[in-house]
C-alpha atoms as a PDB file:
ATOM      1  CA  UNK A   1       3.770   8.330  -6.292  1.00  0.00           C
ATOM      2  CA  UNK A   2       7.120   9.261  -4.754  1.00  0.00           C
ATOM      3  CA  UNK A   3       6.223   9.853  -1.095  1.00  0.00           C
ATOM      4  CA  UNK A   4       4.143   7.788   1.301  1.00  0.00           C
ATOM      5  CA  UNK A   5       0.716   9.023   2.432  1.00  0.00           C
ATOM      6  CA  UNK A   6       0.144   8.580   6.163  1.00  0.00           C
ATOM      7  CA  UNK A   7      -2.857   9.223   8.422  1.00  0.00           C
ATOM      8  CA  UNK A   8      -2.890  10.743  11.890  1.00  0.00           C
ATOM      9  CA  UNK A   9      -5.286  12.498  14.271  1.00  0.00           C
ATOM     10  CA  UNK A  10      -6.301  16.054  13.410  1.00  0.00           C
ATOM     11  CA  UNK A  11      -4.307  18.820  15.159  1.00  0.00           C
ATOM     12  CA  UNK A  12      -5.256  22.471  15.583  1.00  0.00           C
ATOM     13  CA  UNK A  13      -2.359  23.603  13.395  1.00  0.00           C
ATOM     14  CA  UNK A  14      -3.834  21.610  10.464  1.00  0.00           C
ATOM     15  CA  UNK A  15      -6.734  24.042  10.192  1.00  0.00           C
ATOM     16  CA  UNK A  16      -4.948  26.608   8.001  1.00  0.00           C
ATOM     17  CA  UNK A  17      -3.976  24.102   5.318  1.00  0.00           C
ATOM     18  CA  UNK A  18      -7.363  22.365   5.381  1.00  0.00           C
ATOM     19  CA  UNK A  19      -9.059  25.748   4.932  1.00  0.00           C
ATOM     20  CA  UNK A  20      -6.936  26.335   1.825  1.00  0.00           C
ATOM     21  CA  UNK A  21      -7.697  22.833   0.510  1.00  0.00           C
ATOM     22  CA  UNK A  22     -11.422  23.323   0.932  1.00  0.00           C
ATOM     23  CA  UNK A  23     -11.357  26.744  -0.738  1.00  0.00           C
ATOM     24  CA  UNK A  24      -9.373  25.357  -3.683  1.00  0.00           C
ATOM     25  CA  UNK A  25     -11.584  22.291  -3.988  1.00  0.00           C
ATOM     26  CA  UNK A  26     -14.966  24.046  -3.892  1.00  0.00           C
ATOM     27  CA  UNK A  27     -15.355  27.666  -2.866  1.00  0.00           C
ATOM     28  CA  UNK A  28     -12.938  29.455  -5.220  1.00  0.00           C
ATOM     29  CA  UNK A  29     -15.533  28.629  -7.885  1.00  0.00           C
ATOM     30  CA  UNK A  30     -18.018  30.944  -6.187  1.00  0.00           C
ATOM     31  CA  UNK A  31     -16.153  33.942  -4.764  1.00  0.00           C
ATOM     32  CA  UNK A  32     -14.339  36.643  -6.739  1.00  0.00           C
ATOM     33  CA  UNK A  33     -11.633  37.025  -4.078  1.00  0.00           C
ATOM     34  CA  UNK A  34      -9.655  34.108  -2.675  1.00  0.00           C
ATOM     35  CA  UNK A  35      -9.687  35.579   0.832  1.00  0.00           C
ATOM     36  CA  UNK A  36     -13.514  35.495   0.805  1.00  0.00           C
ATOM     37  CA  UNK A  37     -13.497  31.874  -0.362  1.00  0.00           C
ATOM     38  CA  UNK A  38     -11.102  31.058   2.492  1.00  0.00           C
ATOM     39  CA  UNK A  39     -13.280  32.901   5.014  1.00  0.00           C
ATOM     40  CA  UNK A  40     -16.272  30.785   4.011  1.00  0.00           C
ATOM     41  CA  UNK A  41     -14.123  27.631   3.952  1.00  0.00           C
ATOM     42  CA  UNK A  42     -12.911  28.424   7.456  1.00  0.00           C
ATOM     43  CA  UNK A  43     -16.520  28.594   8.667  1.00  0.00           C
ATOM     44  CA  UNK A  44     -17.407  25.264   6.998  1.00  0.00           C
ATOM     45  CA  UNK A  45     -14.295  23.607   8.427  1.00  0.00           C
ATOM     46  CA  UNK A  46     -14.936  24.912  11.948  1.00  0.00           C
ATOM     47  CA  UNK A  47     -18.472  23.556  11.755  1.00  0.00           C
ATOM     48  CA  UNK A  48     -17.206  20.099  10.756  1.00  0.00           C
ATOM     49  CA  UNK A  49     -14.473  20.080  13.417  1.00  0.00           C
ATOM     50  CA  UNK A  50     -16.900  21.082  16.133  1.00  0.00           C
ATOM     51  CA  UNK A  51     -19.598  18.639  15.066  1.00  0.00           C
ATOM     52  CA  UNK A  52     -17.578  15.437  14.586  1.00  0.00           C
ATOM     53  CA  UNK A  53     -15.887  12.998  16.970  1.00  0.00           C
ATOM     54  CA  UNK A  54     -13.758  11.224  14.335  1.00  0.00           C
ATOM     55  CA  UNK A  55     -11.077  13.475  12.786  1.00  0.00           C
ATOM     56  CA  UNK A  56      -8.191  12.151  10.721  1.00  0.00           C
ATOM     57  CA  UNK A  57      -5.859  13.913   8.283  1.00  0.00           C
ATOM     58  CA  UNK A  58      -3.698  12.539   5.489  1.00  0.00           C
ATOM     59  CA  UNK A  59      -0.123  13.846   5.296  1.00  0.00           C
ATOM     60  CA  UNK A  60       2.751  13.539   2.841  1.00  0.00           C
ATOM     61  CA  UNK A  61       5.912  14.296   4.761  1.00  0.00           C
ATOM     62  CA  UNK A  62       4.777  17.121   7.041  1.00  0.00           C
ATOM     63  CA  UNK A  63       2.232  18.535   4.576  1.00  0.00           C
ATOM     64  CA  UNK A  64      -1.492  17.996   5.160  1.00  0.00           C
ATOM     65  CA  UNK A  65      -3.192  16.889   1.930  1.00  0.00           C
ATOM     66  CA  UNK A  66      -6.670  15.831   3.014  1.00  0.00           C
ATOM     67  CA  UNK A  67      -8.992  14.945   5.890  1.00  0.00           C
ATOM     68  CA  UNK A  68     -11.964  12.777   6.799  1.00  0.00           C
ATOM     69  CA  UNK A  69     -14.331  13.684   9.656  1.00  0.00           C
ATOM     70  CA  UNK A  70     -17.360  11.778  10.913  1.00  0.00           C
ATOM     71  CA  UNK A  71     -19.645  10.530  13.694  1.00  0.00           C
ATOM     72  CA  UNK A  72     -21.477  13.745  14.455  1.00  0.00           C
ATOM     73  CA  UNK A  73     -21.986  14.516  18.134  1.00  0.00           C
ATOM     74  CA  UNK A  74     -24.550  16.583  19.972  1.00  0.00           C
ATOM     75  CA  UNK A  75     -23.494  20.202  19.648  1.00  0.00           C
ATOM     76  CA  UNK A  76     -24.523  23.753  20.342  1.00  0.00           C
ATOM     77  CA  UNK A  77     -26.777  24.442  17.376  1.00  0.00           C
ATOM     78  CA  UNK A  78     -27.352  28.018  18.505  1.00  0.00           C
ATOM     79  CA  UNK A  79     -23.613  28.750  18.523  1.00  0.00           C
ATOM     80  CA  UNK A  80     -23.215  27.257  15.044  1.00  0.00           C
ATOM     81  CA  UNK A  81     -26.178  29.311  13.841  1.00  0.00           C
ATOM     82  CA  UNK A  82     -24.667  32.532  15.235  1.00  0.00           C
ATOM     83  CA  UNK A  83     -21.276  31.818  13.634  1.00  0.00           C
ATOM     84  CA  UNK A  84     -22.984  31.230  10.302  1.00  0.00           C
ATOM     85  CA  UNK A  85     -24.858  34.537  10.546  1.00  0.00           C
ATOM     86  CA  UNK A  86     -21.651  36.420  11.400  1.00  0.00           C
ATOM     87  CA  UNK A  87     -19.802  34.808   8.477  1.00  0.00           C
ATOM     88  CA  UNK A  88     -22.618  35.725   6.062  1.00  0.00           C
ATOM     89  CA  UNK A  89     -22.762  39.308   7.341  1.00  0.00           C
ATOM     90  CA  UNK A  90     -19.018  39.774   6.863  1.00  0.00           C
ATOM     91  CA  UNK A  91     -19.078  38.333   3.350  1.00  0.00           C
ATOM     92  CA  UNK A  92     -22.148  40.306   2.255  1.00  0.00           C
ATOM     93  CA  UNK A  93     -20.155  43.533   2.605  1.00  0.00           C
ATOM     94  CA  UNK A  94     -19.008  42.800  -0.948  1.00  0.00           C
ATOM     95  CA  UNK A  95     -21.898  43.004  -3.406  1.00  0.00           C
ATOM     96  CA  UNK A  96     -20.648  40.163  -5.620  1.00  0.00           C
ATOM     97  CA  UNK A  97     -20.549  37.816  -2.624  1.00  0.00           C
ATOM     98  CA  UNK A  98     -24.327  38.022  -2.245  1.00  0.00           C
ATOM     99  CA  UNK A  99     -24.779  36.026  -5.449  1.00  0.00           C
ATOM    100  CA  UNK A 100     -22.192  33.458  -4.320  1.00  0.00           C
ATOM    101  CA  UNK A 101     -23.919  32.997  -0.984  1.00  0.00           C
ATOM    102  CA  UNK A 102     -27.288  32.602  -2.714  1.00  0.00           C
ATOM    103  CA  UNK A 103     -25.927  29.729  -4.817  1.00  0.00           C
ATOM    104  CA  UNK A 104     -24.169  28.105  -1.850  1.00  0.00           C
ATOM    105  CA  UNK A 105     -27.439  28.203   0.081  1.00  0.00           C
ATOM    106  CA  UNK A 106     -29.171  26.553  -2.881  1.00  0.00           C
ATOM    107  CA  UNK A 107     -26.600  23.738  -2.929  1.00  0.00           C
ATOM    108  CA  UNK A 108     -26.851  23.325   0.837  1.00  0.00           C
ATOM    109  CA  UNK A 109     -30.633  23.016   0.514  1.00  0.00           C
ATOM    110  CA  UNK A 110     -30.176  20.381  -2.219  1.00  0.00           C
ATOM    111  CA  UNK A 111     -27.970  18.364   0.141  1.00  0.00           C
ATOM    112  CA  UNK A 112     -30.456  18.655   3.004  1.00  0.00           C
ATOM    113  CA  UNK A 113     -33.260  17.489   0.708  1.00  0.00           C
ATOM    114  CA  UNK A 114     -31.183  14.428  -0.245  1.00  0.00           C
ATOM    115  CA  UNK A 115     -30.630  13.566   3.409  1.00  0.00           C
ATOM    116  CA  UNK A 116     -34.266  14.089   4.398  1.00  0.00           C
ATOM    117  CA  UNK A 117     -35.687  12.148   1.444  1.00  0.00           C
ATOM    118  CA  UNK A 118     -33.371   9.213   2.160  1.00  0.00           C
ATOM    119  CA  UNK A 119     -33.836   9.309   5.947  1.00  0.00           C
ATOM    120  CA  UNK A 120     -30.174  10.023   6.703  1.00  0.00           C
ATOM    121  CA  UNK A 121     -29.327  11.168  10.220  1.00  0.00           C
ATOM    122  CA  UNK A 122     -26.479  13.606  10.888  1.00  0.00           C
ATOM    123  CA  UNK A 123     -24.740  11.027  13.087  1.00  0.00           C
ATOM    124  CA  UNK A 124     -24.350   8.796  10.029  1.00  0.00           C
ATOM    125  CA  UNK A 125     -22.607  11.390   7.849  1.00  0.00           C
ATOM    126  CA  UNK A 126     -18.897  11.582   7.055  1.00  0.00           C
ATOM    127  CA  UNK A 127     -17.129  14.601   5.574  1.00  0.00           C
ATOM    128  CA  UNK A 128     -14.189  14.244   3.180  1.00  0.00           C
ATOM    129  CA  UNK A 129     -11.776  17.020   2.205  1.00  0.00           C
ATOM    130  CA  UNK A 130      -9.336  16.300  -0.634  1.00  0.00           C
ATOM    131  CA  UNK A 131      -6.534  18.248  -2.242  1.00  0.00           C
ATOM    132  CA  UNK A 132      -7.427  19.135  -5.828  1.00  0.00           C
ATOM    133  CA  UNK A 133      -5.299  18.826  -8.974  1.00  0.00           C
ATOM    134  CA  UNK A 134      -2.608  16.476  -7.707  1.00  0.00           C
ATOM    135  CA  UNK A 135      -1.612  13.172  -9.366  1.00  0.00           C
ATOM    136  CA  UNK A 136      -1.982  11.303  -6.064  1.00  0.00           C
ATOM    137  CA  UNK A 137      -5.479  12.589  -5.274  1.00  0.00           C
ATOM    138  CA  UNK A 138      -7.106   9.184  -5.752  1.00  0.00           C
ATOM    139  CA  UNK A 139      -4.459   7.599  -3.505  1.00  0.00           C
ATOM    140  CA  UNK A 140      -5.127  10.209  -0.802  1.00  0.00           C
ATOM    141  CA  UNK A 141      -8.816   9.373  -0.952  1.00  0.00           C
ATOM    142  CA  UNK A 142      -8.116   5.644  -0.769  1.00  0.00           C
ATOM    143  CA  UNK A 143      -5.940   6.057   2.337  1.00  0.00           C
ATOM    144  CA  UNK A 144      -8.587   8.181   4.087  1.00  0.00           C
ATOM    145  CA  UNK A 145     -11.477   5.887   3.180  1.00  0.00           C
ATOM    146  CA  UNK A 146      -9.558   2.799   4.299  1.00  0.00           C
ATOM    147  CA  UNK A 147      -8.962   4.469   7.656  1.00  0.00           C
ATOM    148  CA  UNK A 148     -12.668   5.160   7.930  1.00  0.00           C
ATOM    149  CA  UNK A 149     -13.590   1.663   6.761  1.00  0.00           C
ATOM    150  CA  UNK A 150     -11.350   0.003   9.354  1.00  0.00           C
ATOM    151  CA  UNK A 151     -13.110   1.979  12.081  1.00  0.00           C
ATOM    152  CA  UNK A 152     -16.705   1.324  11.001  1.00  0.00           C
ATOM    153  CA  UNK A 153     -16.074  -2.348  10.130  1.00  0.00           C
ATOM    154  CA  UNK A 154     -16.047  -3.057  13.880  1.00  0.00           C
ATOM    155  CA  UNK A 155     -19.618  -1.752  14.185  1.00  0.00           C
ATOM    156  CA  UNK A 156     -22.586  -3.907  13.209  1.00  0.00           C
ATOM    157  CA  UNK A 157     -25.872  -2.788  11.677  1.00  0.00           C
ATOM    158  CA  UNK A 158     -24.469   0.659  10.867  1.00  0.00           C
ATOM    159  CA  UNK A 159     -24.990   2.659   7.715  1.00  0.00           C
ATOM    160  CA  UNK A 160     -22.731   5.593   6.966  1.00  0.00           C
ATOM    161  CA  UNK A 161     -23.151   8.179   4.232  1.00  0.00           C
ATOM    162  CA  UNK A 162     -21.072  10.659   2.264  1.00  0.00           C
ATOM    163  CA  UNK A 163     -22.129  13.358  -0.203  1.00  0.00           C
ATOM    164  CA  UNK A 164     -20.019  13.821  -3.346  1.00  0.00           C
ATOM    165  CA  UNK A 165     -19.994  17.382  -4.706  1.00  0.00           C
ATOM    166  CA  UNK A 166     -19.003  16.568  -8.295  1.00  0.00           C
ATOM    167  CA  UNK A 167     -18.908  13.844 -10.916  1.00  0.00           C
ATOM    168  CA  UNK A 168     -15.166  13.505 -10.255  1.00  0.00           C
ATOM    169  CA  UNK A 169     -15.726  12.708  -6.575  1.00  0.00           C
ATOM    170  CA  UNK A 170     -18.577  10.401  -7.559  1.00  0.00           C
ATOM    171  CA  UNK A 171     -16.364   8.380  -9.913  1.00  0.00           C
ATOM    172  CA  UNK A 172     -13.804   7.973  -7.124  1.00  0.00           C
ATOM    173  CA  UNK A 173     -16.416   6.731  -4.644  1.00  0.00           C
ATOM    174  CA  UNK A 174     -17.743   4.261  -7.221  1.00  0.00           C
ATOM    175  CA  UNK A 175     -14.401   2.435  -6.954  1.00  0.00           C
ATOM    176  CA  UNK A 176     -14.605   1.972  -3.183  1.00  0.00           C
ATOM    177  CA  UNK A 177     -16.974   0.317  -0.763  1.00  0.00           C
ATOM    178  CA  UNK A 178     -19.797   2.819  -1.317  1.00  0.00           C
ATOM    179  CA  UNK A 179     -23.121   2.514  -3.126  1.00  0.00           C
ATOM    180  CA  UNK A 180     -24.834   5.380  -4.932  1.00  0.00           C
ATOM    181  CA  UNK A 181     -28.206   6.128  -3.339  1.00  0.00           C
ATOM    182  CA  UNK A 182     -29.550   9.323  -4.905  1.00  0.00           C
ATOM    183  CA  UNK A 183     -28.470  12.569  -6.577  1.00  0.00           C
ATOM    184  CA  UNK A 184     -29.581  16.095  -7.345  1.00  0.00           C
ATOM    185  CA  UNK A 185     -28.145  18.657  -9.749  1.00  0.00           C
ATOM    186  CA  UNK A 186     -28.728  22.208 -10.904  1.00  0.00           C
ATOM    187  CA  UNK A 187     -27.347  24.589 -13.516  1.00  0.00           C
ATOM    188  CA  UNK A 188     -25.900  27.767 -11.997  1.00  0.00           C
ATOM    189  CA  UNK A 189     -23.378  30.428 -12.917  1.00  0.00           C
ATOM    190  CA  UNK A 190     -21.467  31.391  -9.772  1.00  0.00           C
ATOM    191  CA  UNK A 191     -18.812  33.354 -11.691  1.00  0.00           C
ATOM    192  CA  UNK A 192     -18.075  33.675 -15.416  1.00  0.00           C
ATOM    193  CA  UNK A 193     -19.110  30.220 -16.630  1.00  0.00           C
ATOM    194  CA  UNK A 194     -22.449  28.456 -16.301  1.00  0.00           C
ATOM    195  CA  UNK A 195     -22.073  24.845 -15.173  1.00  0.00           C
ATOM    196  CA  UNK A 196     -23.970  21.922 -13.638  1.00  0.00           C
ATOM    197  CA  UNK A 197     -23.360  21.337  -9.938  1.00  0.00           C
ATOM    198  CA  UNK A 198     -24.082  18.013  -8.236  1.00  0.00           C
ATOM    199  CA  UNK A 199     -24.934  16.583  -4.835  1.00  0.00           C
ATOM    200  CA  UNK A 200     -24.650  12.779  -4.916  1.00  0.00           C
ATOM    201  CA  UNK A 201     -25.449  10.634  -1.885  1.00  0.00           C
ATOM    202  CA  UNK A 202     -23.516   7.411  -1.199  1.00  0.00           C
ATOM    203  CA  UNK A 203     -23.660   4.864   1.615  1.00  0.00           C
ATOM    204  CA  UNK A 204     -21.279   2.137   2.717  1.00  0.00           C
ATOM    205  CA  UNK A 205     -21.893  -1.451   1.616  1.00  0.00           C
ATOM    206  CA  UNK A 206     -20.387  -3.188   4.617  1.00  0.00           C
ATOM    207  CA  UNK A 207     -23.239  -2.947   7.107  1.00  0.00           C
ATOM    208  CA  UNK A 208     -24.660  -6.276   8.261  1.00  0.00           C
END
């Protein structure tokens, strides 16, 4: 890789690029229009930003290429619920978005089932956003996970979890200090092509 990947604290101006990253990584697969995928991504990102205390981004030069958020704090669940309802109402104006939202709700329910079945608390979750289709993607992930690892290594008797959304993410996590716990999958056709979608739960191995 030609340029060094660095980590720093999240800044408000990073939100636009992280929204694009998240849409490209996941939600463009579901929505017909990119602007609708970005609208949903913006909601998901705002929810993560508002819910987490730990917020780091990876940058190459001045360009944001990924982020890791974690340590969920007590928040206003009612406000989050209202924002979600508003986002869904705006997106449902387009008929084709109703199908996308149905599938996204299904995947969200799969993730919640994983967490409930494995007794995972929200405070123990971390959220990882990565830029897709770049040669240095694995290096970006390594930098972000090492930042996270250095922070949690100071805490004893702590388990932390991450959910991979694809086999590609799962293979990356297999190489780091995470252990596969459980997984769920389903066949759906969000757009033209039917495919299998995954939710794979990992936890760190460094707890005492």
